[in-house]
Amino acid sequence: MFLKFFFKQLSAQKQIDYLKKKGIMIGTRTKNKRKVYTYMLKDLFVEVYYKNDNENDSAEKVSLLSGLKNLNNYLEREFKTSF
């Protein structure tokens, strides 16, 4: 919980820097013809949309999910709405 609070206090660029330094990229997926990168920081999962879908560009959107159960529920809902 502290990590989520700490992470939200960072600027967008510092969030991305922190993710790349301390996080683990666990995958990418396509949503609405955009590439979404998912990172893990302990029990915090972060989805990032980058400009031009390039992870070397700046971030457009950052979404947070706490806990593996919430991530699974979210991905399951996303999967069901894709059909």
C-alpha atoms as a PDB file:
ATOM      1  CA  MET A   1       0.000   0.000   0.000  1.00  0.00           C
ATOM      2  CA  PHE A   2       2.867   2.356   0.788  1.00  0.00           C
ATOM      3  CA  LEU A   3       4.407   1.639  -2.606  1.00  0.00           C
ATOM      4  CA  LYS A   4       1.190   2.663  -4.382  1.00  0.00           C
ATOM      5  CA  PHE A   5       1.028   5.919  -2.399  1.00  0.00           C
ATOM      6  CA  PHE A   6       4.718   6.632  -3.045  1.00  0.00           C
ATOM      7  CA  PHE A   7       4.417   5.807  -6.747  1.00  0.00           C
ATOM      8  CA  LYS A   8       1.371   8.054  -7.252  1.00  0.00           C
ATOM      9  CA  GLN A   9       3.286  11.010  -5.782  1.00  0.00           C
ATOM     10  CA  LEU A  10       5.941  10.826  -8.495  1.00  0.00           C
ATOM     11  CA  SER A  11       5.703  12.815 -11.718  1.00  0.00           C
ATOM     12  CA  ALA A  12       4.814  10.839 -14.853  1.00  0.00           C
ATOM     13  CA  GLN A  13       8.422  10.771 -16.057  1.00  0.00           C
ATOM     14  CA  LYS A  14       9.731   9.713 -12.629  1.00  0.00           C
ATOM     15  CA  GLN A  15       7.120   6.944 -12.524  1.00  0.00           C
ATOM     16  CA  ILE A  16       8.431   5.588 -15.819  1.00  0.00           C
ATOM     17  CA  ASP A  17      12.049   5.918 -14.694  1.00  0.00           C
ATOM     18  CA  TYR A  18      11.202   4.064 -11.466  1.00  0.00           C
ATOM     19  CA  LEU A  19       9.377   1.312 -13.392  1.00  0.00           C
ATOM     20  CA  LYS A  20      12.298   0.787 -15.735  1.00  0.00           C
ATOM     21  CA  LYS A  21      14.798   0.719 -12.870  1.00  0.00           C
ATOM     22  CA  LYS A  22      12.927  -1.258 -10.187  1.00  0.00           C
ATOM     23  CA  GLY A  23      10.037  -2.933 -11.999  1.00  0.00           C
ATOM     24  CA  ILE A  24       9.782  -6.029 -14.114  1.00  0.00           C
ATOM     25  CA  MET A  25       8.020  -5.837 -17.462  1.00  0.00           C
ATOM     26  CA  ILE A  26       5.734  -8.841 -17.462  1.00  0.00           C
ATOM     27  CA  GLY A  27       4.249  -8.364 -20.899  1.00  0.00           C
ATOM     28  CA  THR A  28       2.580  -6.364 -23.596  1.00  0.00           C
ATOM     29  CA  ARG A  29      -0.841  -6.611 -25.155  1.00  0.00           C
ATOM     30  CA  THR A  30      -2.888  -4.816 -27.760  1.00  0.00           C
ATOM     31  CA  LYS A  31      -5.944  -2.817 -26.736  1.00  0.00           C
ATOM     32  CA  ASN A  32      -7.861  -0.621 -29.187  1.00  0.00           C
ATOM     33  CA  LYS A  33      -5.016  -0.997 -31.687  1.00  0.00           C
ATOM     34  CA  ARG A  34      -2.565   0.348 -29.102  1.00  0.00           C
ATOM     35  CA  LYS A  35       0.276  -1.479 -27.392  1.00  0.00           C
ATOM     36  CA  VAL A  36      -0.009  -1.612 -23.590  1.00  0.00           C
ATOM     37  CA  TYR A  37       3.045  -2.455 -21.464  1.00  0.00           C
ATOM     38  CA  THR A  38       2.485  -4.102 -18.077  1.00  0.00           C
ATOM     39  CA  TYR A  39       5.039  -3.840 -15.282  1.00  0.00           C
ATOM     40  CA  MET A  40       5.193  -5.395 -11.818  1.00  0.00           C
ATOM     41  CA  LEU A  41       6.527  -3.674  -8.699  1.00  0.00           C
ATOM     42  CA  LYS A  42       6.122  -6.179  -5.851  1.00  0.00           C
ATOM     43  CA  ASP A  43       2.294  -6.371  -5.501  1.00  0.00           C
ATOM     44  CA  LEU A  44       1.623  -3.291  -7.657  1.00  0.00           C
ATOM     45  CA  PHE A  45       0.886  -3.739 -11.354  1.00  0.00           C
ATOM     46  CA  VAL A  46       1.229  -0.807 -13.731  1.00  0.00           C
ATOM     47  CA  GLU A  47      -0.062  -0.508 -17.289  1.00  0.00           C
ATOM     48  CA  VAL A  48       1.598   2.109 -19.481  1.00  0.00           C
ATOM     49  CA  TYR A  49       0.607   3.548 -22.838  1.00  0.00           C
ATOM     50  CA  TYR A  50       3.585   5.181 -24.535  1.00  0.00           C
ATOM     51  CA  LYS A  51       3.462   7.747 -27.319  1.00  0.00           C
ATOM     52  CA  ASN A  52       3.740   6.017 -30.693  1.00  0.00           C
ATOM     53  CA  ASP A  53       3.551   2.688 -28.797  1.00  0.00           C
ATOM     54  CA  ASN A  54       7.314   2.963 -28.275  1.00  0.00           C
ATOM     55  CA  GLU A  55       8.620   2.337 -24.763  1.00  0.00           C
ATOM     56  CA  ASN A  56      11.481   4.763 -25.420  1.00  0.00           C
ATOM     57  CA  ASP A  57       9.007   7.654 -25.867  1.00  0.00           C
ATOM     58  CA  SER A  58       7.228   9.433 -23.017  1.00  0.00           C
ATOM     59  CA  ALA A  59       4.177   7.907 -21.355  1.00  0.00           C
ATOM     60  CA  GLU A  60       0.666   9.001 -22.309  1.00  0.00           C
ATOM     61  CA  LYS A  61      -1.234   7.091 -19.626  1.00  0.00           C
ATOM     62  CA  VAL A  62      -0.323   5.143 -16.494  1.00  0.00           C
ATOM     63  CA  SER A  63      -2.840   2.874 -14.707  1.00  0.00           C
ATOM     64  CA  LEU A  64      -2.285   1.154 -11.349  1.00  0.00           C
ATOM     65  CA  LEU A  65      -3.685  -2.083  -9.934  1.00  0.00           C
ATOM     66  CA  SER A  66      -2.897  -3.390  -6.460  1.00  0.00           C
ATOM     67  CA  GLY A  67      -2.499  -7.113  -6.012  1.00  0.00           C
ATOM     68  CA  LEU A  68      -2.482 -10.116  -8.284  1.00  0.00           C
ATOM     69  CA  LYS A  69      -6.170 -10.845  -7.691  1.00  0.00           C
ATOM     70  CA  ASN A  70      -7.150  -7.384  -8.953  1.00  0.00           C
ATOM     71  CA  LEU A  71      -4.892  -7.799 -11.982  1.00  0.00           C
ATOM     72  CA  ASN A  72      -6.462 -11.166 -12.822  1.00  0.00           C
ATOM     73  CA  ASN A  73     -10.001  -9.777 -12.452  1.00  0.00           C
ATOM     74  CA  TYR A  74      -9.150  -6.784 -14.622  1.00  0.00           C
ATOM     75  CA  LEU A  75      -7.545  -8.871 -17.369  1.00  0.00           C
ATOM     76  CA  GLU A  76     -10.464 -11.300 -17.321  1.00  0.00           C
ATOM     77  CA  ARG A  77     -12.947  -8.425 -17.788  1.00  0.00           C
ATOM     78  CA  GLU A  78     -10.798  -6.983 -20.581  1.00  0.00           C
ATOM     79  CA  PHE A  79     -10.643 -10.361 -22.283  1.00  0.00           C
ATOM     80  CA  LYS A  80     -14.428 -10.824 -22.124  1.00  0.00           C
ATOM     81  CA  THR A  81     -15.112  -7.375 -23.585  1.00  0.00           C
ATOM     82  CA  SER A  82     -12.781  -8.009 -26.504  1.00  0.00           C
ATOM     83  CA  PHE A  83     -15.324 -10.358 -28.106  1.00  0.00           C
END
